[in-house]
Amino acid sequence: MNIDYVSGRLLCFRSEAKWALVFNWIIWWPAVEGPHAMVECFGNGINGKQGFDNDRLFSPVVFEEDWEDDEADEPTILSIEIRGQSIALDQVPSLPHDSQHQDAGFGVLAGLATQHKAAMLASEAEYMPFIAPDLDLVLTLDDWHHPDVLAKPSECKTFQQLARVLVTGDSSLYQPTQAPNTYWANWILK
């Protein structure tokens, strides 16, 4: 999948017998028409499959685009809505995109996330159906150190600490020792 991650939120749920990690991402996925919220769930306290499943993709952000210019490599964005609210185009801080992110829409989405992140993520009503009802939310992180795709979570201090939080229910056991890297510019570009 050619998905570019823009920003995210990590939610940690637990009970005495079960746990769940919910990764709530803002993504740019050109093959599925651009901006989306994607939910990935892991643990023994989830409903359905672990990881990403087709019913865990939401569209809180809508770009209306114009492809009339046959010479253009990408469309002109005519309007933007987040959960039905219009966003003035002149109020969107478009971040620069590069050869790795050919779509200007990625830069616009990243700019929107600096001002509207909460509304762009999957809502509680959207992600809670995937979580067992007897689990309690014990920790929410907007920034954390996420391991590289080739590293095991158990090798990352962040996830070692999160495991302790999930076992005990004590969120004070999460004491970050590594700089957060979940801002889009820190991630490996495709």
N, C-alpha and C. Protein backbone atom coordinates (compact mmCIF):
# COMPACT_ATOMS: atom_id res chain seq x y z
N MET A 1 0.84 -1.18 0.00
CA MET A 1 0.00 0.00 0.00
C MET A 1 0.89 1.24 0.00
N ASN A 2 0.54 2.18 -0.80
CA ASN A 2 1.28 3.44 -0.88
C ASN A 2 0.56 4.48 -0.02
N ILE A 3 0.79 4.38 1.29
CA ILE A 3 0.14 5.27 2.26
C ILE A 3 1.20 6.17 2.87
N ASP A 4 0.93 7.46 2.93
CA ASP A 4 1.81 8.39 3.62
C ASP A 4 1.10 8.82 4.90
N TYR A 5 1.76 8.60 6.04
CA TYR A 5 1.22 8.96 7.35
C TYR A 5 1.51 10.43 7.62
N VAL A 6 0.48 11.18 8.01
CA VAL A 6 0.61 12.60 8.29
C VAL A 6 0.77 12.85 9.79
N SER A 7 -0.13 12.29 10.57
CA SER A 7 -0.11 12.48 12.01
C SER A 7 -0.92 11.36 12.65
N GLY A 8 -0.81 11.24 13.97
CA GLY A 8 -1.56 10.17 14.61
C GLY A 8 -1.80 10.41 16.08
N ARG A 9 -2.55 9.49 16.64
CA ARG A 9 -2.84 9.47 18.07
C ARG A 9 -2.84 8.00 18.48
N LEU A 10 -2.23 7.71 19.61
CA LEU A 10 -2.18 6.35 20.13
C LEU A 10 -3.03 6.27 21.39
N LEU A 11 -3.98 5.36 21.40
CA LEU A 11 -4.88 5.17 22.54
C LEU A 11 -4.61 3.80 23.15
N CYS A 12 -4.43 3.76 24.47
CA CYS A 12 -4.13 2.52 25.19
C CYS A 12 -5.30 2.17 26.09
N PHE A 13 -5.88 1.00 25.87
CA PHE A 13 -7.03 0.52 26.64
C PHE A 13 -6.64 -0.75 27.39
N ARG A 14 -7.27 -0.96 28.55
CA ARG A 14 -6.98 -2.17 29.31
C ARG A 14 -8.13 -2.55 30.24
N SER A 15 -8.10 -3.79 30.64
CA SER A 15 -8.88 -4.31 31.77
C SER A 15 -7.92 -5.26 32.48
N GLU A 16 -8.39 -5.97 33.48
CA GLU A 16 -7.51 -6.91 34.18
C GLU A 16 -7.08 -8.07 33.27
N ALA A 17 -7.90 -8.40 32.28
CA ALA A 17 -7.60 -9.56 31.44
C ALA A 17 -7.28 -9.23 29.99
N LYS A 18 -7.60 -8.02 29.53
CA LYS A 18 -7.44 -7.70 28.11
C LYS A 18 -6.78 -6.33 27.93
N TRP A 19 -6.29 -6.11 26.70
CA TRP A 19 -5.68 -4.83 26.37
C TRP A 19 -5.88 -4.56 24.88
N ALA A 20 -5.74 -3.29 24.52
CA ALA A 20 -5.81 -2.90 23.11
C ALA A 20 -5.01 -1.62 22.90
N LEU A 21 -4.27 -1.60 21.81
CA LEU A 21 -3.62 -0.38 21.33
C LEU A 21 -4.35 0.03 20.06
N VAL A 22 -4.76 1.28 20.00
CA VAL A 22 -5.45 1.81 18.83
C VAL A 22 -4.60 2.93 18.25
N PHE A 23 -4.13 2.72 17.03
CA PHE A 23 -3.39 3.74 16.30
C PHE A 23 -4.40 4.44 15.41
N ASN A 24 -4.61 5.71 15.66
CA ASN A 24 -5.59 6.52 14.95
C ASN A 24 -4.79 7.48 14.08
N TRP A 25 -4.74 7.20 12.78
CA TRP A 25 -3.85 7.93 11.86
C TRP A 25 -4.61 8.86 10.92
N ILE A 26 -3.98 9.97 10.59
CA ILE A 26 -4.37 10.80 9.45
C ILE A 26 -3.42 10.40 8.34
N ILE A 27 -3.98 9.96 7.22
CA ILE A 27 -3.13 9.46 6.14
C ILE A 27 -3.46 10.11 4.80
N TRP A 28 -2.49 10.08 3.91
CA TRP A 28 -2.68 10.46 2.51
C TRP A 28 -2.52 9.18 1.71
N TRP A 29 -3.60 8.76 1.04
CA TRP A 29 -3.61 7.51 0.29
C TRP A 29 -4.16 7.80 -1.11
N PRO A 30 -3.29 8.16 -2.05
CA PRO A 30 -3.74 8.55 -3.38
C PRO A 30 -4.60 7.51 -4.08
N ALA A 31 -4.32 6.22 -3.86
CA ALA A 31 -5.09 5.17 -4.54
C ALA A 31 -6.54 5.12 -4.07
N VAL A 32 -6.83 5.71 -2.92
CA VAL A 32 -8.20 5.74 -2.40
C VAL A 32 -8.65 7.20 -2.27
N GLU A 33 -8.22 8.00 -3.22
CA GLU A 33 -8.63 9.40 -3.35
C GLU A 33 -8.19 10.29 -2.21
N GLY A 34 -6.96 10.09 -1.71
CA GLY A 34 -6.34 11.08 -0.85
C GLY A 34 -6.51 10.97 0.64
N PRO A 35 -7.16 11.99 1.25
CA PRO A 35 -7.14 12.11 2.72
C PRO A 35 -8.11 11.15 3.41
N HIS A 36 -7.61 10.51 4.48
CA HIS A 36 -8.44 9.60 5.27
C HIS A 36 -7.97 9.56 6.71
N ALA A 37 -8.82 9.04 7.56
CA ALA A 37 -8.44 8.62 8.91
C ALA A 37 -8.43 7.09 8.87
N MET A 38 -7.37 6.50 9.41
CA MET A 38 -7.24 5.04 9.40
C MET A 38 -6.99 4.56 10.83
N VAL A 39 -7.70 3.52 11.23
CA VAL A 39 -7.58 2.95 12.56
C VAL A 39 -6.93 1.58 12.46
N GLU A 40 -5.85 1.39 13.21
CA GLU A 40 -5.19 0.09 13.32
C GLU A 40 -5.27 -0.34 14.77
N CYS A 41 -5.72 -1.58 15.02
CA CYS A 41 -5.94 -2.08 16.38
C CYS A 41 -5.12 -3.33 16.64
N PHE A 42 -4.55 -3.40 17.84
CA PHE A 42 -3.75 -4.55 18.24
C PHE A 42 -4.08 -4.91 19.68
N GLY A 43 -4.07 -6.19 19.99
CA GLY A 43 -4.30 -6.66 21.35
C GLY A 43 -5.36 -7.74 21.41
N ASN A 44 -5.58 -8.27 22.60
CA ASN A 44 -6.59 -9.31 22.77
C ASN A 44 -7.95 -8.72 23.18
N GLY A 45 -8.04 -7.40 23.22
CA GLY A 45 -9.28 -6.75 23.60
C GLY A 45 -9.93 -5.99 22.46
N ILE A 46 -9.74 -6.50 21.25
CA ILE A 46 -10.35 -5.82 20.10
C ILE A 46 -11.45 -6.70 19.51
N ASN A 47 -12.39 -6.05 18.87
CA ASN A 47 -13.44 -6.74 18.14
C ASN A 47 -13.01 -6.80 16.68
N GLY A 48 -12.95 -7.97 16.12
CA GLY A 48 -12.52 -8.13 14.74
C GLY A 48 -11.05 -8.47 14.65
N LYS A 49 -10.49 -8.25 13.47
CA LYS A 49 -9.10 -8.60 13.21
C LYS A 49 -8.14 -7.57 13.78
N GLN A 50 -6.91 -8.04 14.08
CA GLN A 50 -5.86 -7.11 14.48
C GLN A 50 -5.36 -6.37 13.24
N GLY A 51 -4.70 -5.24 13.48
CA GLY A 51 -4.13 -4.46 12.39
C GLY A 51 -5.19 -3.62 11.71
N PHE A 52 -5.03 -3.44 10.41
CA PHE A 52 -5.96 -2.64 9.62
C PHE A 52 -6.94 -3.57 8.93
N ASP A 53 -8.18 -3.18 8.88
CA ASP A 53 -9.20 -3.92 8.17
C ASP A 53 -10.01 -2.90 7.37
N ASN A 54 -10.69 -3.34 6.33
CA ASN A 54 -11.37 -2.42 5.42
C ASN A 54 -12.38 -1.50 6.08
N ASP A 55 -13.00 -1.95 7.17
CA ASP A 55 -14.01 -1.11 7.82
C ASP A 55 -13.40 -0.07 8.74
N ARG A 56 -12.09 0.06 8.73
CA ARG A 56 -11.41 1.00 9.63
C ARG A 56 -10.82 2.19 8.88
N LEU A 57 -11.42 2.54 7.78
CA LEU A 57 -10.99 3.68 6.98
C LEU A 57 -12.14 4.68 6.92
N PHE A 58 -11.88 5.92 7.30
CA PHE A 58 -12.91 6.94 7.38
C PHE A 58 -12.49 8.16 6.57
N SER A 59 -13.46 8.98 6.19
CA SER A 59 -13.17 10.15 5.35
C SER A 59 -13.70 11.43 5.98
N PRO A 60 -13.08 11.88 7.08
CA PRO A 60 -13.53 13.13 7.70
C PRO A 60 -13.14 14.37 6.90
N VAL A 61 -12.14 14.23 6.02
CA VAL A 61 -11.66 15.35 5.21
C VAL A 61 -12.02 15.09 3.76
N VAL A 62 -12.63 16.08 3.12
CA VAL A 62 -13.02 15.95 1.72
C VAL A 62 -12.43 17.11 0.94
N PHE A 63 -11.68 16.78 -0.11
CA PHE A 63 -11.17 17.79 -1.04
C PHE A 63 -12.04 17.74 -2.29
N GLU A 64 -12.55 18.90 -2.73
CA GLU A 64 -13.16 18.97 -4.05
C GLU A 64 -12.06 19.43 -4.99
N GLU A 65 -11.84 18.63 -6.04
CA GLU A 65 -10.71 18.91 -6.94
C GLU A 65 -11.18 19.15 -8.36
N ASP A 66 -10.37 19.89 -9.11
CA ASP A 66 -10.64 20.19 -10.51
C ASP A 66 -9.48 19.65 -11.35
N TRP A 67 -9.80 18.73 -12.25
CA TRP A 67 -8.79 18.14 -13.14
C TRP A 67 -8.89 18.70 -14.56
N GLU A 68 -9.51 19.84 -14.75
CA GLU A 68 -9.75 20.35 -16.10
C GLU A 68 -8.50 20.67 -16.89
N ASP A 69 -7.42 21.05 -16.22
CA ASP A 69 -6.18 21.38 -16.92
C ASP A 69 -5.47 20.08 -17.29
N ASP A 70 -5.55 19.72 -18.58
CA ASP A 70 -4.94 18.47 -19.05
C ASP A 70 -3.43 18.46 -18.89
N GLU A 71 -2.82 19.63 -18.81
CA GLU A 71 -1.37 19.73 -18.68
C GLU A 71 -0.90 19.55 -17.24
N ALA A 72 -1.80 19.69 -16.30
CA ALA A 72 -1.41 19.66 -14.88
C ALA A 72 -1.10 18.23 -14.43
N ASP A 73 -0.09 18.11 -13.58
CA ASP A 73 0.26 16.81 -13.01
C ASP A 73 -0.66 16.43 -11.86
N GLU A 74 -1.29 17.42 -11.28
CA GLU A 74 -2.19 17.17 -10.15
C GLU A 74 -3.34 18.16 -10.22
N PRO A 75 -4.46 17.86 -9.55
CA PRO A 75 -5.62 18.73 -9.64
C PRO A 75 -5.47 20.00 -8.81
N THR A 76 -6.32 20.94 -9.11
CA THR A 76 -6.45 22.14 -8.29
C THR A 76 -7.48 21.84 -7.20
N ILE A 77 -7.15 22.16 -5.97
CA ILE A 77 -8.10 21.96 -4.88
C ILE A 77 -9.04 23.16 -4.85
N LEU A 78 -10.33 22.89 -5.02
CA LEU A 78 -11.33 23.95 -5.08
C LEU A 78 -11.93 24.26 -3.71
N SER A 79 -12.12 23.22 -2.91
CA SER A 79 -12.69 23.43 -1.57
C SER A 79 -12.28 22.28 -0.66
N ILE A 80 -12.37 22.55 0.65
CA ILE A 80 -12.03 21.56 1.66
C ILE A 80 -13.11 21.58 2.73
N GLU A 81 -13.53 20.39 3.14
CA GLU A 81 -14.45 20.25 4.27
C GLU A 81 -13.88 19.25 5.25
N ILE A 82 -14.01 19.56 6.54
CA ILE A 82 -13.65 18.62 7.60
C ILE A 82 -14.92 18.37 8.41
N ARG A 83 -15.41 17.13 8.32
CA ARG A 83 -16.65 16.74 9.00
C ARG A 83 -17.79 17.71 8.71
N GLY A 84 -17.91 18.09 7.43
CA GLY A 84 -19.00 18.95 6.99
C GLY A 84 -18.77 20.44 7.16
N GLN A 85 -17.69 20.83 7.81
CA GLN A 85 -17.38 22.25 8.00
C GLN A 85 -16.43 22.72 6.90
N SER A 86 -16.81 23.77 6.19
CA SER A 86 -15.95 24.33 5.15
C SER A 86 -14.73 25.00 5.77
N ILE A 87 -13.60 24.80 5.13
CA ILE A 87 -12.35 25.42 5.55
C ILE A 87 -11.93 26.38 4.44
N ALA A 88 -11.72 27.64 4.78
CA ALA A 88 -11.30 28.63 3.78
C ALA A 88 -9.91 28.26 3.26
N LEU A 89 -9.79 28.17 1.94
CA LEU A 89 -8.52 27.76 1.34
C LEU A 89 -7.37 28.69 1.72
N ASP A 90 -7.67 29.98 1.87
CA ASP A 90 -6.60 30.92 2.21
C ASP A 90 -6.16 30.79 3.67
N GLN A 91 -6.86 29.98 4.45
CA GLN A 91 -6.50 29.76 5.86
C GLN A 91 -5.74 28.45 6.08
N VAL A 92 -5.46 27.74 4.99
CA VAL A 92 -4.77 26.44 5.10
C VAL A 92 -3.28 26.64 4.89
N PRO A 93 -2.47 26.33 5.90
CA PRO A 93 -1.02 26.45 5.72
C PRO A 93 -0.49 25.23 4.97
N SER A 94 -0.39 25.33 3.66
CA SER A 94 0.11 24.20 2.87
C SER A 94 1.60 24.04 3.12
N LEU A 95 1.97 22.87 3.58
CA LEU A 95 3.38 22.59 3.82
C LEU A 95 4.02 22.12 2.52
N PRO A 96 5.29 22.39 2.34
CA PRO A 96 5.92 22.02 1.08
C PRO A 96 5.92 20.51 0.88
N HIS A 97 5.74 20.10 -0.37
CA HIS A 97 5.89 18.69 -0.69
C HIS A 97 7.12 18.57 -1.59
N ASP A 98 7.62 17.38 -1.69
CA ASP A 98 8.85 17.17 -2.45
C ASP A 98 8.65 16.05 -3.44
N SER A 99 9.74 15.62 -4.05
CA SER A 99 9.64 14.58 -5.06
C SER A 99 9.13 13.27 -4.48
N GLN A 100 9.27 13.08 -3.17
CA GLN A 100 8.75 11.87 -2.54
C GLN A 100 7.23 11.95 -2.39
N HIS A 101 6.70 13.14 -2.23
CA HIS A 101 5.26 13.35 -2.11
C HIS A 101 4.84 14.22 -3.28
N GLN A 102 4.57 13.60 -4.40
CA GLN A 102 4.25 14.35 -5.60
C GLN A 102 2.96 15.15 -5.47
N ASP A 103 2.06 14.66 -4.68
CA ASP A 103 0.76 15.31 -4.57
C ASP A 103 0.82 16.54 -3.68
N ALA A 104 0.40 17.68 -4.23
CA ALA A 104 0.29 18.87 -3.39
C ALA A 104 -0.74 18.65 -2.30
N GLY A 105 -1.69 17.75 -2.54
CA GLY A 105 -2.70 17.44 -1.54
C GLY A 105 -2.10 16.94 -0.24
N PHE A 106 -0.97 16.24 -0.31
CA PHE A 106 -0.30 15.80 0.91
C PHE A 106 0.12 17.00 1.73
N GLY A 107 0.71 18.01 1.09
CA GLY A 107 1.14 19.22 1.79
C GLY A 107 -0.04 19.95 2.41
N VAL A 108 -1.15 20.00 1.69
CA VAL A 108 -2.36 20.64 2.22
C VAL A 108 -2.88 19.85 3.43
N LEU A 109 -2.90 18.53 3.32
CA LEU A 109 -3.37 17.70 4.43
C LEU A 109 -2.48 17.87 5.65
N ALA A 110 -1.17 17.89 5.44
CA ALA A 110 -0.24 18.09 6.56
C ALA A 110 -0.45 19.47 7.19
N GLY A 111 -0.69 20.48 6.36
CA GLY A 111 -0.97 21.81 6.88
C GLY A 111 -2.27 21.85 7.68
N LEU A 112 -3.30 21.20 7.17
CA LEU A 112 -4.58 21.13 7.89
C LEU A 112 -4.41 20.47 9.26
N ALA A 113 -3.57 19.43 9.31
CA ALA A 113 -3.38 18.70 10.56
C ALA A 113 -2.75 19.56 11.65
N THR A 114 -2.03 20.60 11.27
CA THR A 114 -1.44 21.48 12.29
C THR A 114 -2.52 22.28 13.02
N GLN A 115 -3.68 22.46 12.39
CA GLN A 115 -4.75 23.27 12.98
C GLN A 115 -6.01 22.49 13.35
N HIS A 116 -6.22 21.34 12.70
CA HIS A 116 -7.50 20.63 12.84
C HIS A 116 -7.32 19.14 13.13
N LYS A 117 -6.23 18.77 13.77
CA LYS A 117 -5.91 17.35 13.95
C LYS A 117 -7.05 16.55 14.59
N ALA A 118 -7.60 17.03 15.68
CA ALA A 118 -8.63 16.27 16.40
C ALA A 118 -9.82 15.94 15.50
N ALA A 119 -10.25 16.89 14.69
CA ALA A 119 -11.40 16.66 13.82
C ALA A 119 -11.06 15.75 12.64
N MET A 120 -9.78 15.64 12.31
CA MET A 120 -9.36 14.84 11.16
C MET A 120 -9.11 13.37 11.52
N LEU A 121 -8.90 13.09 12.80
CA LEU A 121 -8.73 11.71 13.25
C LEU A 121 -10.08 11.00 13.29
N ALA A 122 -10.06 9.68 13.33
CA ALA A 122 -11.31 8.94 13.53
C ALA A 122 -11.88 9.35 14.89
N SER A 123 -13.17 9.56 14.93
CA SER A 123 -13.83 9.98 16.17
C SER A 123 -14.00 8.78 17.11
N GLU A 124 -14.31 9.08 18.36
CA GLU A 124 -14.56 8.01 19.33
C GLU A 124 -15.68 7.09 18.85
N ALA A 125 -16.72 7.66 18.27
CA ALA A 125 -17.82 6.84 17.75
C ALA A 125 -17.36 5.94 16.60
N GLU A 126 -16.32 6.36 15.88
CA GLU A 126 -15.81 5.56 14.77
C GLU A 126 -14.86 4.45 15.23
N TYR A 127 -14.02 4.71 16.24
CA TYR A 127 -13.06 3.67 16.65
C TYR A 127 -13.55 2.77 17.78
N MET A 128 -14.47 3.21 18.61
CA MET A 128 -14.89 2.39 19.76
C MET A 128 -15.56 1.07 19.39
N PRO A 129 -16.25 0.93 18.26
CA PRO A 129 -16.81 -0.38 17.93
C PRO A 129 -15.76 -1.49 17.80
N PHE A 130 -14.50 -1.12 17.64
CA PHE A 130 -13.44 -2.12 17.50
C PHE A 130 -12.83 -2.51 18.84
N ILE A 131 -13.27 -1.89 19.94
CA ILE A 131 -12.70 -2.11 21.26
C ILE A 131 -13.72 -2.83 22.14
N ALA A 132 -13.26 -3.85 22.87
CA ALA A 132 -14.16 -4.56 23.79
C ALA A 132 -14.75 -3.56 24.79
N PRO A 133 -16.04 -3.67 25.09
CA PRO A 133 -16.70 -2.67 25.94
C PRO A 133 -16.21 -2.61 27.38
N ASP A 134 -15.53 -3.66 27.85
CA ASP A 134 -15.08 -3.66 29.25
C ASP A 134 -13.68 -3.07 29.44
N LEU A 135 -13.11 -2.49 28.39
CA LEU A 135 -11.78 -1.89 28.50
C LEU A 135 -11.89 -0.41 28.84
N ASP A 136 -10.94 0.06 29.65
CA ASP A 136 -10.86 1.47 30.01
C ASP A 136 -9.69 2.12 29.29
N LEU A 137 -9.88 3.36 28.88
CA LEU A 137 -8.79 4.14 28.29
C LEU A 137 -7.85 4.56 29.42
N VAL A 138 -6.56 4.19 29.31
CA VAL A 138 -5.61 4.53 30.38
C VAL A 138 -4.55 5.54 29.93
N LEU A 139 -4.36 5.70 28.61
CA LEU A 139 -3.33 6.62 28.14
C LEU A 139 -3.62 7.02 26.71
N THR A 140 -3.45 8.30 26.41
CA THR A 140 -3.57 8.83 25.05
C THR A 140 -2.31 9.61 24.74
N LEU A 141 -1.70 9.32 23.60
CA LEU A 141 -0.48 10.01 23.18
C LEU A 141 -0.67 10.62 21.80
N ASP A 142 -0.31 11.89 21.67
CA ASP A 142 -0.31 12.53 20.36
C ASP A 142 1.07 12.51 19.73
N ASP A 143 2.10 12.32 20.53
CA ASP A 143 3.48 12.23 20.05
C ASP A 143 4.16 11.13 20.83
N TRP A 144 4.88 10.28 20.15
CA TRP A 144 5.63 9.21 20.79
C TRP A 144 6.74 8.77 19.85
N HIS A 145 7.65 7.98 20.35
CA HIS A 145 8.70 7.42 19.51
C HIS A 145 8.20 6.08 18.97
N HIS A 146 8.00 6.02 17.66
CA HIS A 146 7.48 4.82 17.02
C HIS A 146 8.64 4.08 16.36
N PRO A 147 8.73 2.76 16.55
CA PRO A 147 9.85 2.03 15.96
C PRO A 147 9.77 2.00 14.44
N ASP A 148 10.93 1.87 13.82
CA ASP A 148 11.02 1.68 12.38
C ASP A 148 10.28 0.40 12.01
N VAL A 149 9.85 0.30 10.78
CA VAL A 149 9.06 -0.86 10.36
C VAL A 149 9.81 -2.18 10.52
N LEU A 150 11.12 -2.15 10.53
CA LEU A 150 11.89 -3.39 10.67
C LEU A 150 12.17 -3.75 12.12
N ALA A 151 11.90 -2.85 13.05
CA ALA A 151 12.17 -3.11 14.47
C ALA A 151 10.94 -3.73 15.13
N LYS A 152 11.18 -4.60 16.08
CA LYS A 152 10.08 -5.18 16.86
C LYS A 152 9.67 -4.17 17.93
N PRO A 153 8.37 -4.02 18.18
CA PRO A 153 7.94 -3.11 19.25
C PRO A 153 8.61 -3.43 20.59
N SER A 154 8.85 -4.70 20.86
CA SER A 154 9.47 -5.08 22.14
C SER A 154 10.90 -4.56 22.28
N GLU A 155 11.51 -4.14 21.17
CA GLU A 155 12.87 -3.59 21.19
C GLU A 155 12.87 -2.08 21.40
N CYS A 156 11.70 -1.48 21.42
CA CYS A 156 11.56 -0.02 21.53
C CYS A 156 11.16 0.35 22.95
N LYS A 157 11.89 1.26 23.56
CA LYS A 157 11.61 1.66 24.95
C LYS A 157 10.18 2.17 25.12
N THR A 158 9.67 2.86 24.11
CA THR A 158 8.29 3.36 24.18
C THR A 158 7.33 2.22 24.43
N PHE A 159 7.44 1.16 23.65
CA PHE A 159 6.48 0.07 23.76
C PHE A 159 6.76 -0.82 24.98
N GLN A 160 7.97 -0.84 25.46
CA GLN A 160 8.25 -1.52 26.73
C GLN A 160 7.51 -0.80 27.86
N GLN A 161 7.55 0.54 27.83
CA GLN A 161 6.83 1.31 28.85
C GLN A 161 5.32 1.18 28.70
N LEU A 162 4.85 1.20 27.45
CA LEU A 162 3.41 1.04 27.22
C LEU A 162 2.93 -0.32 27.73
N ALA A 163 3.75 -1.35 27.58
CA ALA A 163 3.38 -2.67 28.10
C ALA A 163 3.20 -2.62 29.62
N ARG A 164 4.08 -1.90 30.30
CA ARG A 164 3.94 -1.76 31.76
C ARG A 164 2.65 -1.02 32.13
N VAL A 165 2.34 0.02 31.36
CA VAL A 165 1.10 0.77 31.60
C VAL A 165 -0.11 -0.15 31.40
N LEU A 166 -0.08 -0.95 30.34
CA LEU A 166 -1.21 -1.84 30.06
C LEU A 166 -1.36 -2.93 31.13
N VAL A 167 -0.26 -3.42 31.66
CA VAL A 167 -0.32 -4.45 32.71
C VAL A 167 -0.85 -3.87 34.02
N THR A 168 -0.38 -2.69 34.38
CA THR A 168 -0.69 -2.12 35.70
C THR A 168 -1.87 -1.15 35.72
N GLY A 169 -2.12 -0.49 34.59
CA GLY A 169 -3.12 0.58 34.56
C GLY A 169 -2.59 1.90 35.07
N ASP A 170 -1.29 1.97 35.34
CA ASP A 170 -0.65 3.17 35.88
C ASP A 170 0.01 3.96 34.74
N SER A 171 -0.67 5.01 34.27
CA SER A 171 -0.16 5.78 33.14
C SER A 171 1.12 6.55 33.48
N SER A 172 1.41 6.74 34.76
CA SER A 172 2.64 7.46 35.13
C SER A 172 3.90 6.64 34.81
N LEU A 173 3.74 5.37 34.49
CA LEU A 173 4.89 4.54 34.12
C LEU A 173 5.40 4.86 32.72
N TYR A 174 4.61 5.62 31.96
CA TYR A 174 5.09 6.06 30.65
C TYR A 174 5.90 7.34 30.85
N GLN A 175 7.20 7.22 30.73
CA GLN A 175 8.14 8.33 30.88
C GLN A 175 9.04 8.31 29.64
N PRO A 176 8.70 9.04 28.59
CA PRO A 176 9.45 8.94 27.34
C PRO A 176 10.94 9.25 27.53
N THR A 177 11.76 8.40 26.92
CA THR A 177 13.21 8.58 26.96
C THR A 177 13.77 8.86 25.57
N GLN A 178 12.94 8.70 24.55
CA GLN A 178 13.36 8.95 23.18
C GLN A 178 12.51 10.08 22.60
N ALA A 179 13.11 10.87 21.73
CA ALA A 179 12.38 11.98 21.11
C ALA A 179 11.23 11.43 20.27
N PRO A 180 10.08 12.11 20.29
CA PRO A 180 8.97 11.67 19.45
C PRO A 180 9.35 11.76 17.97
N ASN A 181 8.82 10.85 17.18
CA ASN A 181 9.11 10.86 15.75
C ASN A 181 7.86 10.65 14.91
N THR A 182 6.70 10.93 15.46
CA THR A 182 5.47 10.67 14.72
C THR A 182 4.99 11.84 13.85
N TYR A 183 5.75 12.91 13.80
CA TYR A 183 5.46 14.00 12.86
C TYR A 183 5.85 13.52 11.46
N TRP A 184 5.05 13.79 10.47
CA TRP A 184 5.22 13.21 9.14
C TRP A 184 6.62 13.39 8.57
N ALA A 185 7.27 14.52 8.84
CA ALA A 185 8.58 14.79 8.24
C ALA A 185 9.67 13.87 8.79
N ASN A 186 9.41 13.19 9.91
CA ASN A 186 10.39 12.28 10.50
C ASN A 186 10.32 10.87 9.92
N TRP A 187 9.30 10.57 9.17
CA TRP A 187 9.08 9.19 8.75
C TRP A 187 9.79 8.90 7.44
N ILE A 188 10.06 7.65 7.23
CA ILE A 188 10.72 7.21 5.99
C ILE A 188 9.79 7.51 4.83
N LEU A 189 10.33 8.18 3.83
CA LEU A 189 9.53 8.51 2.66
C LEU A 189 9.60 7.38 1.66
N LYS A 190 8.52 7.17 0.94
CA LYS A 190 8.48 6.10 -0.07
C LYS A 190 9.17 6.58 -1.33
